[in-house]
């Protein structure tokens, strides 16, 4: 694919139009999720009154309604959107830099390192402390990134194939350590660990939401400023070098940005699979391979997707909450198999 054909197909006006459309979808999704839940709040009753005979009684929120809507549901919706946006943005970065549409934010073993750190924190009784679980989870992810970058490096730079293999090996090693810790954990700790491993968005504090948002803003800004370089690198390193891209420097910056996005999201939410794998690929199929458009589209649609998944997780079964990772796996696995059946997953098919 000629890089100039790719870039000429996308204009700033198109980026703005598509982003605005997906942003409206995100707002509609968040609003619908706010009204979904086992408790029938006064806000829904307000709409009923407007459509009925007592419009003057509309939106008479009770104190418990305010608590449910703005202290429980709204922060969770906001956090789900930030985590989904972070994972999908990181997925775009990794798929482009590793030139493999099967790459996702966990391909470098970050999920394994983060999960191990979180499990150690839970088993050590640190869950009662502020950041008692997210902090060791983040440290585990950071150690994983350092190990993979060190293993994937050479005197000539970084090899994508070597980094992929290093990520698989590191993840397998951490998985073995996780099984060891689980086998030594008490029954109470075991239930907490398993629920965290499958993804949990219900315990986010305002500080964690703010930190996730700030990291997302920084990571996305860095990626979007390098969008043209990502376009060139995804077409081949030699092409990128000939067109003036500092490939090794750009790759290192973007790998660190994607890793940080993943590490923060995973450390607060647990392992939520398939978001970073399916969303970027879906947006690429619909909108093309230009990352000036692909990055904001994946961010916004990834946020909407995880909000919907989390809404289903907390409302699908009465009086019971599913881990959000279960819902994303149930949604992502059939789509993944469909793409494999259709032959849509071809390495370097950008």
C-alpha atoms as a PDB file:
ATOM      1  CA  UNK A   1       0.000   0.000   0.000  1.00  0.00           C
ATOM      2  CA  UNK A   2       1.418   3.360  -0.963  1.00  0.00           C
ATOM      3  CA  UNK A   3       1.797   5.592   2.073  1.00  0.00           C
ATOM      4  CA  UNK A   4       0.776   8.712   0.167  1.00  0.00           C
ATOM      5  CA  UNK A   5      -2.463   7.026  -0.906  1.00  0.00           C
ATOM      6  CA  UNK A   6      -3.149   6.138   2.733  1.00  0.00           C
ATOM      7  CA  UNK A   7      -2.581   9.655   4.005  1.00  0.00           C
ATOM      8  CA  UNK A   8      -4.386  11.465   1.201  1.00  0.00           C
ATOM      9  CA  UNK A   9      -7.540   9.475   1.960  1.00  0.00           C
ATOM     10  CA  UNK A  10      -7.895  11.097   5.390  1.00  0.00           C
ATOM     11  CA  UNK A  11      -8.337  14.791   6.004  1.00  0.00           C
ATOM     12  CA  UNK A  12      -8.653  16.733   9.217  1.00  0.00           C
ATOM     13  CA  UNK A  13     -12.328  17.335   8.424  1.00  0.00           C
ATOM     14  CA  UNK A  14     -12.939  13.587   8.207  1.00  0.00           C
ATOM     15  CA  UNK A  15     -11.114  12.999  11.489  1.00  0.00           C
ATOM     16  CA  UNK A  16     -13.292  15.613  13.179  1.00  0.00           C
ATOM     17  CA  UNK A  17     -16.539  14.279  11.688  1.00  0.00           C
ATOM     18  CA  UNK A  18     -15.853  10.653  12.585  1.00  0.00           C
ATOM     19  CA  UNK A  19     -14.602  11.588  16.059  1.00  0.00           C
ATOM     20  CA  UNK A  20     -17.661  13.737  16.702  1.00  0.00           C
ATOM     21  CA  UNK A  21     -19.981  10.935  15.601  1.00  0.00           C
ATOM     22  CA  UNK A  22     -18.259   8.393  17.827  1.00  0.00           C
ATOM     23  CA  UNK A  23     -18.232  10.897  20.702  1.00  0.00           C
ATOM     24  CA  UNK A  24     -22.006  11.240  20.392  1.00  0.00           C
ATOM     25  CA  UNK A  25     -22.259   7.443  20.428  1.00  0.00           C
ATOM     26  CA  UNK A  26     -20.151   7.449  23.597  1.00  0.00           C
ATOM     27  CA  UNK A  27     -22.390  10.045  25.266  1.00  0.00           C
ATOM     28  CA  UNK A  28     -25.521   8.095  24.333  1.00  0.00           C
ATOM     29  CA  UNK A  29     -23.981   4.868  25.625  1.00  0.00           C
ATOM     30  CA  UNK A  30     -22.982   6.492  28.916  1.00  0.00           C
ATOM     31  CA  UNK A  31     -26.441   8.036  29.360  1.00  0.00           C
ATOM     32  CA  UNK A  32     -28.168   4.735  28.696  1.00  0.00           C
ATOM     33  CA  UNK A  33     -25.847   2.953  31.123  1.00  0.00           C
ATOM     34  CA  UNK A  34     -26.598   5.552  33.794  1.00  0.00           C
ATOM     35  CA  UNK A  35     -30.266   4.558  33.686  1.00  0.00           C
ATOM     36  CA  UNK A  36     -29.583   0.799  33.767  1.00  0.00           C
ATOM     37  CA  UNK A  37     -29.541  -1.004  37.071  1.00  0.00           C
ATOM     38  CA  UNK A  38     -31.653  -2.894  39.597  1.00  0.00           C
ATOM     39  CA  UNK A  39     -32.706   0.333  41.338  1.00  0.00           C
ATOM     40  CA  UNK A  40     -35.472   2.335  39.627  1.00  0.00           C
ATOM     41  CA  UNK A  41     -34.265   5.889  40.237  1.00  0.00           C
ATOM     42  CA  UNK A  42     -36.319   9.042  40.171  1.00  0.00           C
ATOM     43  CA  UNK A  43     -34.610  10.148  36.975  1.00  0.00           C
ATOM     44  CA  UNK A  44     -36.404   7.453  35.011  1.00  0.00           C
ATOM     45  CA  UNK A  45     -39.585   8.313  36.842  1.00  0.00           C
ATOM     46  CA  UNK A  46     -39.058  11.914  35.729  1.00  0.00           C
ATOM     47  CA  UNK A  47     -39.180  10.909  32.083  1.00  0.00           C
ATOM     48  CA  UNK A  48     -42.344   8.962  32.767  1.00  0.00           C
ATOM     49  CA  UNK A  49     -43.919  12.039  34.362  1.00  0.00           C
ATOM     50  CA  UNK A  50     -42.977  14.228  31.375  1.00  0.00           C
ATOM     51  CA  UNK A  51     -44.664  11.774  29.030  1.00  0.00           C
ATOM     52  CA  UNK A  52     -47.619  11.420  31.371  1.00  0.00           C
ATOM     53  CA  UNK A  53     -49.932  13.818  33.143  1.00  0.00           C
ATOM     54  CA  UNK A  54     -47.600  15.321  35.754  1.00  0.00           C
ATOM     55  CA  UNK A  55     -44.690  17.094  34.032  1.00  0.00           C
ATOM     56  CA  UNK A  56     -44.262  19.352  37.073  1.00  0.00           C
ATOM     57  CA  UNK A  57     -43.119  16.321  39.096  1.00  0.00           C
ATOM     58  CA  UNK A  58     -40.356  15.434  36.679  1.00  0.00           C
ATOM     59  CA  UNK A  59     -36.830  14.891  37.907  1.00  0.00           C
ATOM     60  CA  UNK A  60     -37.681  15.079  41.591  1.00  0.00           C
ATOM     61  CA  UNK A  61     -34.617  13.143  42.690  1.00  0.00           C
ATOM     62  CA  UNK A  62     -34.517  11.630  46.140  1.00  0.00           C
ATOM     63  CA  UNK A  63     -31.256  11.596  48.132  1.00  0.00           C
ATOM     64  CA  UNK A  64     -30.848   7.874  47.529  1.00  0.00           C
ATOM     65  CA  UNK A  65     -31.320   8.461  43.779  1.00  0.00           C
ATOM     66  CA  UNK A  66     -28.529  11.020  43.797  1.00  0.00           C
ATOM     67  CA  UNK A  67     -26.246   8.549  45.574  1.00  0.00           C
ATOM     68  CA  UNK A  68     -27.012   5.743  43.130  1.00  0.00           C
ATOM     69  CA  UNK A  69     -26.643   7.866  40.003  1.00  0.00           C
ATOM     70  CA  UNK A  70     -23.721  10.123  40.821  1.00  0.00           C
ATOM     71  CA  UNK A  71     -21.770   8.288  43.523  1.00  0.00           C
ATOM     72  CA  UNK A  72     -22.064   4.712  42.242  1.00  0.00           C
ATOM     73  CA  UNK A  73     -23.011   4.509  38.568  1.00  0.00           C
ATOM     74  CA  UNK A  74     -21.444   7.653  37.081  1.00  0.00           C
ATOM     75  CA  UNK A  75     -17.905   7.079  38.455  1.00  0.00           C
ATOM     76  CA  UNK A  76     -18.042   3.472  37.304  1.00  0.00           C
ATOM     77  CA  UNK A  77     -19.200   4.485  33.818  1.00  0.00           C
ATOM     78  CA  UNK A  78     -16.457   7.084  33.620  1.00  0.00           C
ATOM     79  CA  UNK A  79     -13.848   4.578  34.762  1.00  0.00           C
ATOM     80  CA  UNK A  80     -15.045   1.919  32.316  1.00  0.00           C
ATOM     81  CA  UNK A  81     -14.780   4.427  29.476  1.00  0.00           C
ATOM     82  CA  UNK A  82     -11.246   5.429  30.476  1.00  0.00           C
ATOM     83  CA  UNK A  83     -10.064   1.825  30.781  1.00  0.00           C
ATOM     84  CA  UNK A  84     -11.633   0.851  27.445  1.00  0.00           C
ATOM     85  CA  UNK A  85     -10.093   3.882  25.756  1.00  0.00           C
ATOM     86  CA  UNK A  86      -6.672   3.147  27.270  1.00  0.00           C
ATOM     87  CA  UNK A  87      -6.629  -0.512  26.236  1.00  0.00           C
ATOM     88  CA  UNK A  88      -7.859   0.175  22.703  1.00  0.00           C
ATOM     89  CA  UNK A  89      -5.342   2.995  22.211  1.00  0.00           C
ATOM     90  CA  UNK A  90      -2.541   0.753  23.441  1.00  0.00           C
ATOM     91  CA  UNK A  91      -3.800  -1.960  21.079  1.00  0.00           C
ATOM     92  CA  UNK A  92      -3.502   0.376  18.087  1.00  0.00           C
ATOM     93  CA  UNK A  93       0.052   1.248  19.090  1.00  0.00           C
ATOM     94  CA  UNK A  94       1.214  -2.337  19.578  1.00  0.00           C
ATOM     95  CA  UNK A  95      -0.442  -3.667  16.433  1.00  0.00           C
ATOM     96  CA  UNK A  96       1.242  -0.971  14.340  1.00  0.00           C
ATOM     97  CA  UNK A  97       4.697  -1.151  15.910  1.00  0.00           C
ATOM     98  CA  UNK A  98       4.824  -4.957  15.978  1.00  0.00           C
ATOM     99  CA  UNK A  99       3.163  -5.062  12.543  1.00  0.00           C
ATOM    100  CA  UNK A 100       0.834  -7.821  13.658  1.00  0.00           C
ATOM    101  CA  UNK A 101      -2.957  -7.433  13.937  1.00  0.00           C
ATOM    102  CA  UNK A 102      -3.011 -10.171  16.589  1.00  0.00           C
ATOM    103  CA  UNK A 103      -1.022  -8.015  18.990  1.00  0.00           C
ATOM    104  CA  UNK A 104      -2.904  -6.529  21.915  1.00  0.00           C
ATOM    105  CA  UNK A 105      -1.932  -4.608  25.082  1.00  0.00           C
ATOM    106  CA  UNK A 106      -1.130  -7.876  26.850  1.00  0.00           C
ATOM    107  CA  UNK A 107       1.150  -9.218  24.131  1.00  0.00           C
ATOM    108  CA  UNK A 108       4.256  -8.061  25.989  1.00  0.00           C
ATOM    109  CA  UNK A 109       3.271  -9.936  29.137  1.00  0.00           C
ATOM    110  CA  UNK A 110       2.078  -6.819  30.942  1.00  0.00           C
ATOM    111  CA  UNK A 111      -1.100  -8.512  32.164  1.00  0.00           C
ATOM    112  CA  UNK A 112       0.878 -11.349  33.745  1.00  0.00           C
ATOM    113  CA  UNK A 113       3.217  -9.013  35.607  1.00  0.00           C
ATOM    114  CA  UNK A 114       0.381  -6.790  36.771  1.00  0.00           C
ATOM    115  CA  UNK A 115      -1.710  -9.768  37.882  1.00  0.00           C
ATOM    116  CA  UNK A 116       1.192 -11.202  39.849  1.00  0.00           C
ATOM    117  CA  UNK A 117       1.753  -7.890  41.629  1.00  0.00           C
ATOM    118  CA  UNK A 118      -1.938  -7.569  42.483  1.00  0.00           C
ATOM    119  CA  UNK A 119      -2.143 -11.128  43.786  1.00  0.00           C
ATOM    120  CA  UNK A 120       0.876 -10.582  46.007  1.00  0.00           C
ATOM    121  CA  UNK A 121      -0.752  -7.401  47.355  1.00  0.00           C
ATOM    122  CA  UNK A 122      -4.046  -9.185  48.077  1.00  0.00           C
ATOM    123  CA  UNK A 123      -2.344 -12.191  49.677  1.00  0.00           C
ATOM    124  CA  UNK A 124      -0.227  -9.877  51.853  1.00  0.00           C
ATOM    125  CA  UNK A 125      -3.352  -8.157  53.193  1.00  0.00           C
ATOM    126  CA  UNK A 126      -2.621  -4.855  51.445  1.00  0.00           C
ATOM    127  CA  UNK A 127      -6.153  -4.543  50.020  1.00  0.00           C
ATOM    128  CA  UNK A 128      -7.233  -2.492  53.054  1.00  0.00           C
ATOM    129  CA  UNK A 129      -4.605   0.164  52.321  1.00  0.00           C
ATOM    130  CA  UNK A 130      -4.973   3.032  49.806  1.00  0.00           C
ATOM    131  CA  UNK A 131      -3.578   1.776  46.479  1.00  0.00           C
ATOM    132  CA  UNK A 132      -2.775  -1.469  48.287  1.00  0.00           C
ATOM    133  CA  UNK A 133      -3.592  -3.571  45.215  1.00  0.00           C
ATOM    134  CA  UNK A 134      -3.092  -1.145  42.286  1.00  0.00           C
ATOM    135  CA  UNK A 135       0.399  -0.120  43.397  1.00  0.00           C
ATOM    136  CA  UNK A 136       1.988  -3.594  43.410  1.00  0.00           C
ATOM    137  CA  UNK A 137       0.035  -4.377  40.225  1.00  0.00           C
ATOM    138  CA  UNK A 138       1.546  -1.348  38.521  1.00  0.00           C
ATOM    139  CA  UNK A 139       5.017  -2.213  39.800  1.00  0.00           C
ATOM    140  CA  UNK A 140       4.604  -5.734  38.402  1.00  0.00           C
ATOM    141  CA  UNK A 141       3.631  -4.301  35.023  1.00  0.00           C
ATOM    142  CA  UNK A 142       6.573  -1.909  35.080  1.00  0.00           C
ATOM    143  CA  UNK A 143       9.029  -4.715  35.860  1.00  0.00           C
ATOM    144  CA  UNK A 144       7.551  -6.735  32.993  1.00  0.00           C
ATOM    145  CA  UNK A 145       8.032  -3.881  30.526  1.00  0.00           C
ATOM    146  CA  UNK A 146      11.662  -3.482  31.600  1.00  0.00           C
ATOM    147  CA  UNK A 147      12.319  -7.210  31.258  1.00  0.00           C
ATOM    148  CA  UNK A 148      10.718  -7.453  27.810  1.00  0.00           C
ATOM    149  CA  UNK A 149      12.461  -4.356  26.484  1.00  0.00           C
ATOM    150  CA  UNK A 150      15.778  -5.665  27.789  1.00  0.00           C
ATOM    151  CA  UNK A 151      15.186  -9.108  26.261  1.00  0.00           C
ATOM    152  CA  UNK A 152      14.026  -7.654  22.946  1.00  0.00           C
ATOM    153  CA  UNK A 153      16.906  -5.258  22.578  1.00  0.00           C
ATOM    154  CA  UNK A 154      20.127  -5.748  20.698  1.00  0.00           C
ATOM    155  CA  UNK A 155      23.009  -3.681  19.454  1.00  0.00           C
ATOM    156  CA  UNK A 156      20.979  -2.965  16.317  1.00  0.00           C
ATOM    157  CA  UNK A 157      17.856  -1.876  18.162  1.00  0.00           C
ATOM    158  CA  UNK A 158      14.662  -3.699  18.987  1.00  0.00           C
ATOM    159  CA  UNK A 159      13.349  -6.716  17.144  1.00  0.00           C
ATOM    160  CA  UNK A 160       9.561  -6.997  17.013  1.00  0.00           C
ATOM    161  CA  UNK A 161       9.717 -10.786  16.744  1.00  0.00           C
ATOM    162  CA  UNK A 162      12.087 -11.057  19.685  1.00  0.00           C
ATOM    163  CA  UNK A 163       9.894  -8.789  21.787  1.00  0.00           C
ATOM    164  CA  UNK A 164       6.805 -10.847  20.986  1.00  0.00           C
ATOM    165  CA  UNK A 165       8.593 -14.028  21.980  1.00  0.00           C
ATOM    166  CA  UNK A 166       9.985 -12.395  25.123  1.00  0.00           C
ATOM    167  CA  UNK A 167       6.476 -11.249  26.081  1.00  0.00           C
ATOM    168  CA  UNK A 168       5.073 -14.762  25.661  1.00  0.00           C
ATOM    169  CA  UNK A 169       7.875 -16.276  27.753  1.00  0.00           C
ATOM    170  CA  UNK A 170       7.634 -13.670  30.519  1.00  0.00           C
ATOM    171  CA  UNK A 171       3.855 -14.045  30.628  1.00  0.00           C
ATOM    172  CA  UNK A 172       4.175 -17.836  30.896  1.00  0.00           C
ATOM    173  CA  UNK A 173       6.675 -17.459  33.740  1.00  0.00           C
ATOM    174  CA  UNK A 174       4.423 -15.048  35.623  1.00  0.00           C
ATOM    175  CA  UNK A 175       1.432 -17.338  35.051  1.00  0.00           C
ATOM    176  CA  UNK A 176       3.341 -20.135  36.770  1.00  0.00           C
ATOM    177  CA  UNK A 177       4.124 -17.848  39.706  1.00  0.00           C
ATOM    178  CA  UNK A 178       0.444 -16.839  39.863  1.00  0.00           C
ATOM    179  CA  UNK A 179      -0.584 -20.497  40.113  1.00  0.00           C
ATOM    180  CA  UNK A 180       1.968 -20.947  42.884  1.00  0.00           C
ATOM    181  CA  UNK A 181       0.648 -17.990  44.881  1.00  0.00           C
ATOM    182  CA  UNK A 182      -2.955 -19.117  44.347  1.00  0.00           C
ATOM    183  CA  UNK A 183      -2.151 -22.589  45.619  1.00  0.00           C
ATOM    184  CA  UNK A 184      -0.757 -21.061  48.818  1.00  0.00           C
ATOM    185  CA  UNK A 185      -3.581 -18.512  49.330  1.00  0.00           C
ATOM    186  CA  UNK A 186      -6.424 -18.811  51.809  1.00  0.00           C
ATOM    187  CA  UNK A 187      -9.990 -19.330  50.625  1.00  0.00           C
ATOM    188  CA  UNK A 188     -10.987 -15.704  51.290  1.00  0.00           C
ATOM    189  CA  UNK A 189      -8.007 -14.351  49.383  1.00  0.00           C
ATOM    190  CA  UNK A 190      -8.595 -16.818  46.560  1.00  0.00           C
ATOM    191  CA  UNK A 191     -12.056 -15.440  45.793  1.00  0.00           C
ATOM    192  CA  UNK A 192     -10.766 -11.851  45.697  1.00  0.00           C
ATOM    193  CA  UNK A 193      -7.859 -12.817  43.460  1.00  0.00           C
ATOM    194  CA  UNK A 194      -9.991 -14.716  40.961  1.00  0.00           C
ATOM    195  CA  UNK A 195     -12.500 -11.866  40.720  1.00  0.00           C
ATOM    196  CA  UNK A 196      -9.670  -9.362  40.146  1.00  0.00           C
ATOM    197  CA  UNK A 197      -8.093 -11.587  37.502  1.00  0.00           C
ATOM    198  CA  UNK A 198     -11.346 -11.564  35.518  1.00  0.00           C
ATOM    199  CA  UNK A 199     -11.692  -7.782  35.618  1.00  0.00           C
ATOM    200  CA  UNK A 200     -13.403  -5.565  38.170  1.00  0.00           C
ATOM    201  CA  UNK A 201     -14.468  -1.948  37.624  1.00  0.00           C
ATOM    202  CA  UNK A 202     -16.545  -1.514  40.764  1.00  0.00           C
ATOM    203  CA  UNK A 203     -13.899  -0.349  43.222  1.00  0.00           C
ATOM    204  CA  UNK A 204     -12.327   2.636  41.461  1.00  0.00           C
ATOM    205  CA  UNK A 205     -11.711   5.677  43.655  1.00  0.00           C
ATOM    206  CA  UNK A 206     -11.782   9.278  42.342  1.00  0.00           C
ATOM    207  CA  UNK A 207      -7.999   9.494  42.533  1.00  0.00           C
ATOM    208  CA  UNK A 208      -7.598   6.345  40.459  1.00  0.00           C
ATOM    209  CA  UNK A 209     -10.077   7.621  37.872  1.00  0.00           C
ATOM    210  CA  UNK A 210      -8.222  10.926  37.641  1.00  0.00           C
ATOM    211  CA  UNK A 211      -4.835   9.212  37.278  1.00  0.00           C
ATOM    212  CA  UNK A 212      -6.176   6.883  34.567  1.00  0.00           C
ATOM    213  CA  UNK A 213      -7.600   9.871  32.704  1.00  0.00           C
ATOM    214  CA  UNK A 214      -4.367  11.851  32.898  1.00  0.00           C
ATOM    215  CA  UNK A 215      -2.295   8.902  31.683  1.00  0.00           C
ATOM    216  CA  UNK A 216      -4.777   8.325  28.844  1.00  0.00           C
ATOM    217  CA  UNK A 217      -4.547  11.986  27.823  1.00  0.00           C
ATOM    218  CA  UNK A 218      -0.752  11.889  27.823  1.00  0.00           C
ATOM    219  CA  UNK A 219      -0.481   8.525  26.052  1.00  0.00           C
ATOM    220  CA  UNK A 220      -3.017   9.391  23.372  1.00  0.00           C
ATOM    221  CA  UNK A 221      -1.446  12.801  22.748  1.00  0.00           C
ATOM    222  CA  UNK A 222       1.979  11.246  22.242  1.00  0.00           C
ATOM    223  CA  UNK A 223       0.584   8.587  19.908  1.00  0.00           C
ATOM    224  CA  UNK A 224      -1.473  11.035  17.838  1.00  0.00           C
ATOM    225  CA  UNK A 225       1.471  13.406  17.434  1.00  0.00           C
ATOM    226  CA  UNK A 226       3.409  10.434  16.021  1.00  0.00           C
ATOM    227  CA  UNK A 227       0.509   9.212  13.853  1.00  0.00           C
ATOM    228  CA  UNK A 228       2.276   9.845  10.551  1.00  0.00           C
ATOM    229  CA  UNK A 229       5.393   8.066  11.811  1.00  0.00           C
ATOM    230  CA  UNK A 230       3.223   5.114  12.894  1.00  0.00           C
ATOM    231  CA  UNK A 231       1.745   4.995   9.384  1.00  0.00           C
ATOM    232  CA  UNK A 232       5.216   4.749   7.888  1.00  0.00           C
ATOM    233  CA  UNK A 233       6.569   2.239  10.425  1.00  0.00           C
ATOM    234  CA  UNK A 234       3.562  -0.035   9.920  1.00  0.00           C
ATOM    235  CA  UNK A 235       4.418  -0.188   6.206  1.00  0.00           C
ATOM    236  CA  UNK A 236       8.029  -1.143   6.838  1.00  0.00           C
ATOM    237  CA  UNK A 237      11.030   0.173   8.698  1.00  0.00           C
ATOM    238  CA  UNK A 238      13.114   0.771   5.591  1.00  0.00           C
ATOM    239  CA  UNK A 239      10.373   2.898   4.072  1.00  0.00           C
ATOM    240  CA  UNK A 240      10.061   4.868   7.297  1.00  0.00           C
ATOM    241  CA  UNK A 241      13.820   5.464   7.530  1.00  0.00           C
ATOM    242  CA  UNK A 242      14.024   6.639   3.920  1.00  0.00           C
ATOM    243  CA  UNK A 243      11.216   9.121   4.593  1.00  0.00           C
ATOM    244  CA  UNK A 244      12.989  10.615   7.580  1.00  0.00           C
ATOM    245  CA  UNK A 245      11.488   8.786  10.563  1.00  0.00           C
ATOM    246  CA  UNK A 246      13.783   8.103  13.518  1.00  0.00           C
ATOM    247  CA  UNK A 247      12.442   4.573  13.810  1.00  0.00           C
ATOM    248  CA  UNK A 248      14.202   3.361  16.968  1.00  0.00           C
ATOM    249  CA  UNK A 249      13.523   6.540  18.914  1.00  0.00           C
ATOM    250  CA  UNK A 250       9.875   6.689  17.801  1.00  0.00           C
ATOM    251  CA  UNK A 251       9.328   3.010  18.551  1.00  0.00           C
ATOM    252  CA  UNK A 252      10.767   3.350  22.046  1.00  0.00           C
ATOM    253  CA  UNK A 253       8.595   6.376  22.853  1.00  0.00           C
ATOM    254  CA  UNK A 254       5.449   4.673  21.588  1.00  0.00           C
ATOM    255  CA  UNK A 255       6.183   1.338  23.253  1.00  0.00           C
ATOM    256  CA  UNK A 256       6.648   3.070  26.581  1.00  0.00           C
ATOM    257  CA  UNK A 257       3.446   5.076  26.054  1.00  0.00           C
ATOM    258  CA  UNK A 258       1.417   1.972  25.179  1.00  0.00           C
ATOM    259  CA  UNK A 259       2.921   0.040  28.075  1.00  0.00           C
ATOM    260  CA  UNK A 260       2.118   2.825  30.531  1.00  0.00           C
ATOM    261  CA  UNK A 261      -1.474   3.009  29.275  1.00  0.00           C
ATOM    262  CA  UNK A 262      -1.859  -0.738  29.735  1.00  0.00           C
ATOM    263  CA  UNK A 263      -0.104  -0.877  33.091  1.00  0.00           C
ATOM    264  CA  UNK A 264      -2.265   1.828  34.676  1.00  0.00           C
ATOM    265  CA  UNK A 265      -5.510   0.412  33.257  1.00  0.00           C
ATOM    266  CA  UNK A 266      -4.721  -3.160  34.318  1.00  0.00           C
ATOM    267  CA  UNK A 267      -3.449  -2.184  37.758  1.00  0.00           C
ATOM    268  CA  UNK A 268      -6.790  -0.529  38.601  1.00  0.00           C
ATOM    269  CA  UNK A 269      -9.261  -2.731  36.704  1.00  0.00           C
ATOM    270  CA  UNK A 270      -7.718  -6.196  36.524  1.00  0.00           C
ATOM    271  CA  UNK A 271      -7.258  -8.158  33.318  1.00  0.00           C
ATOM    272  CA  UNK A 272      -9.934  -7.147  30.808  1.00  0.00           C
ATOM    273  CA  UNK A 273      -9.233  -9.061  27.628  1.00  0.00           C
ATOM    274  CA  UNK A 274     -10.071  -8.582  23.943  1.00  0.00           C
ATOM    275  CA  UNK A 275     -10.662  -4.806  24.085  1.00  0.00           C
ATOM    276  CA  UNK A 276      -7.201  -3.956  22.798  1.00  0.00           C
ATOM    277  CA  UNK A 277      -7.318  -6.768  20.243  1.00  0.00           C
ATOM    278  CA  UNK A 278     -10.753  -6.473  18.654  1.00  0.00           C
ATOM    279  CA  UNK A 279     -11.515  -2.728  18.759  1.00  0.00           C
ATOM    280  CA  UNK A 280      -8.453  -1.519  16.781  1.00  0.00           C
ATOM    281  CA  UNK A 281      -8.948  -4.245  14.194  1.00  0.00           C
ATOM    282  CA  UNK A 282     -12.657  -3.431  13.863  1.00  0.00           C
ATOM    283  CA  UNK A 283     -11.951   0.276  13.400  1.00  0.00           C
ATOM    284  CA  UNK A 284      -9.221  -0.495  10.864  1.00  0.00           C
ATOM    285  CA  UNK A 285     -11.676  -2.562   8.822  1.00  0.00           C
ATOM    286  CA  UNK A 286     -14.268   0.236   8.871  1.00  0.00           C
ATOM    287  CA  UNK A 287     -12.125   3.356   8.591  1.00  0.00           C
ATOM    288  CA  UNK A 288      -8.811   2.337   7.062  1.00  0.00           C
ATOM    289  CA  UNK A 289      -5.229   2.241   8.247  1.00  0.00           C
ATOM    290  CA  UNK A 290      -4.402   5.922   8.711  1.00  0.00           C
ATOM    291  CA  UNK A 291      -3.597   6.285  12.393  1.00  0.00           C
ATOM    292  CA  UNK A 292      -4.571   9.960  12.439  1.00  0.00           C
ATOM    293  CA  UNK A 293      -8.139   8.667  12.244  1.00  0.00           C
ATOM    294  CA  UNK A 294      -7.662   5.191  13.681  1.00  0.00           C
ATOM    295  CA  UNK A 295      -6.328   6.402  17.041  1.00  0.00           C
ATOM    296  CA  UNK A 296      -9.237   8.707  18.052  1.00  0.00           C
ATOM    297  CA  UNK A 297     -11.796   6.306  16.582  1.00  0.00           C
ATOM    298  CA  UNK A 298     -10.424   3.363  18.570  1.00  0.00           C
ATOM    299  CA  UNK A 299     -10.229   5.441  21.745  1.00  0.00           C
ATOM    300  CA  UNK A 300     -13.864   6.539  21.542  1.00  0.00           C
ATOM    301  CA  UNK A 301     -15.319   3.235  20.384  1.00  0.00           C
ATOM    302  CA  UNK A 302     -13.234   1.284  22.903  1.00  0.00           C
ATOM    303  CA  UNK A 303     -14.671   3.464  25.668  1.00  0.00           C
ATOM    304  CA  UNK A 304     -18.231   2.832  24.446  1.00  0.00           C
ATOM    305  CA  UNK A 305     -17.621  -0.905  24.140  1.00  0.00           C
ATOM    306  CA  UNK A 306     -16.365  -1.343  27.690  1.00  0.00           C
ATOM    307  CA  UNK A 307     -19.186   0.790  29.108  1.00  0.00           C
ATOM    308  CA  UNK A 308     -21.694  -1.516  27.403  1.00  0.00           C
ATOM    309  CA  UNK A 309     -19.797  -4.606  28.588  1.00  0.00           C
ATOM    310  CA  UNK A 310     -19.699  -3.364  32.181  1.00  0.00           C
ATOM    311  CA  UNK A 311     -23.387  -2.474  32.074  1.00  0.00           C
ATOM    312  CA  UNK A 312     -24.179  -6.026  30.979  1.00  0.00           C
ATOM    313  CA  UNK A 313     -21.878  -7.372  33.691  1.00  0.00           C
ATOM    314  CA  UNK A 314     -23.793  -5.614  36.464  1.00  0.00           C
ATOM    315  CA  UNK A 315     -27.324  -6.059  35.102  1.00  0.00           C
ATOM    316  CA  UNK A 316     -27.441  -9.351  33.162  1.00  0.00           C
ATOM    317  CA  UNK A 317     -28.105 -11.518  36.219  1.00  0.00           C
ATOM    318  CA  UNK A 318     -30.351 -10.150  39.002  1.00  0.00           C
ATOM    319  CA  UNK A 319     -28.684  -9.727  42.400  1.00  0.00           C
ATOM    320  CA  UNK A 320     -25.334 -10.781  40.982  1.00  0.00           C
ATOM    321  CA  UNK A 321     -22.436  -9.056  39.266  1.00  0.00           C
ATOM    322  CA  UNK A 322     -20.253 -10.717  36.647  1.00  0.00           C
ATOM    323  CA  UNK A 323     -16.602  -9.803  36.148  1.00  0.00           C
ATOM    324  CA  UNK A 324     -16.418  -7.501  33.145  1.00  0.00           C
ATOM    325  CA  UNK A 325     -13.617  -9.624  31.673  1.00  0.00           C
ATOM    326  CA  UNK A 326     -16.085 -12.477  31.304  1.00  0.00           C
ATOM    327  CA  UNK A 327     -18.411 -10.295  29.231  1.00  0.00           C
ATOM    328  CA  UNK A 328     -15.627  -8.966  26.982  1.00  0.00           C
ATOM    329  CA  UNK A 329     -14.391 -12.521  26.410  1.00  0.00           C
ATOM    330  CA  UNK A 330     -17.895 -13.738  25.558  1.00  0.00           C
ATOM    331  CA  UNK A 331     -18.264 -10.857  23.079  1.00  0.00           C
ATOM    332  CA  UNK A 332     -14.734 -10.905  21.696  1.00  0.00           C
ATOM    333  CA  UNK A 333     -14.141 -14.619  21.251  1.00  0.00           C
ATOM    334  CA  UNK A 334     -16.903 -15.240  18.655  1.00  0.00           C
ATOM    335  CA  UNK A 335     -15.865 -12.140  16.714  1.00  0.00           C
ATOM    336  CA  UNK A 336     -12.245 -13.245  16.832  1.00  0.00           C
ATOM    337  CA  UNK A 337     -13.154 -16.707  15.506  1.00  0.00           C
ATOM    338  CA  UNK A 338     -15.298 -15.124  12.781  1.00  0.00           C
ATOM    339  CA  UNK A 339     -12.354 -13.029  11.599  1.00  0.00           C
ATOM    340  CA  UNK A 340     -10.086 -16.068  11.616  1.00  0.00           C
ATOM    341  CA  UNK A 341     -12.675 -17.985   9.596  1.00  0.00           C
ATOM    342  CA  UNK A 342     -12.862 -15.174   7.055  1.00  0.00           C
ATOM    343  CA  UNK A 343      -9.085 -14.903   6.843  1.00  0.00           C
ATOM    344  CA  UNK A 344      -9.122 -11.301   8.053  1.00  0.00           C
ATOM    345  CA  UNK A 345      -6.244 -11.766  10.489  1.00  0.00           C
ATOM    346  CA  UNK A 346      -3.189 -11.621   8.270  1.00  0.00           C
ATOM    347  CA  UNK A 347       0.113 -10.360   9.711  1.00  0.00           C
ATOM    348  CA  UNK A 348       1.250  -7.046   8.217  1.00  0.00           C
ATOM    349  CA  UNK A 349      -2.207  -6.585   6.602  1.00  0.00           C
ATOM    350  CA  UNK A 350      -2.213  -2.826   7.112  1.00  0.00           C
END
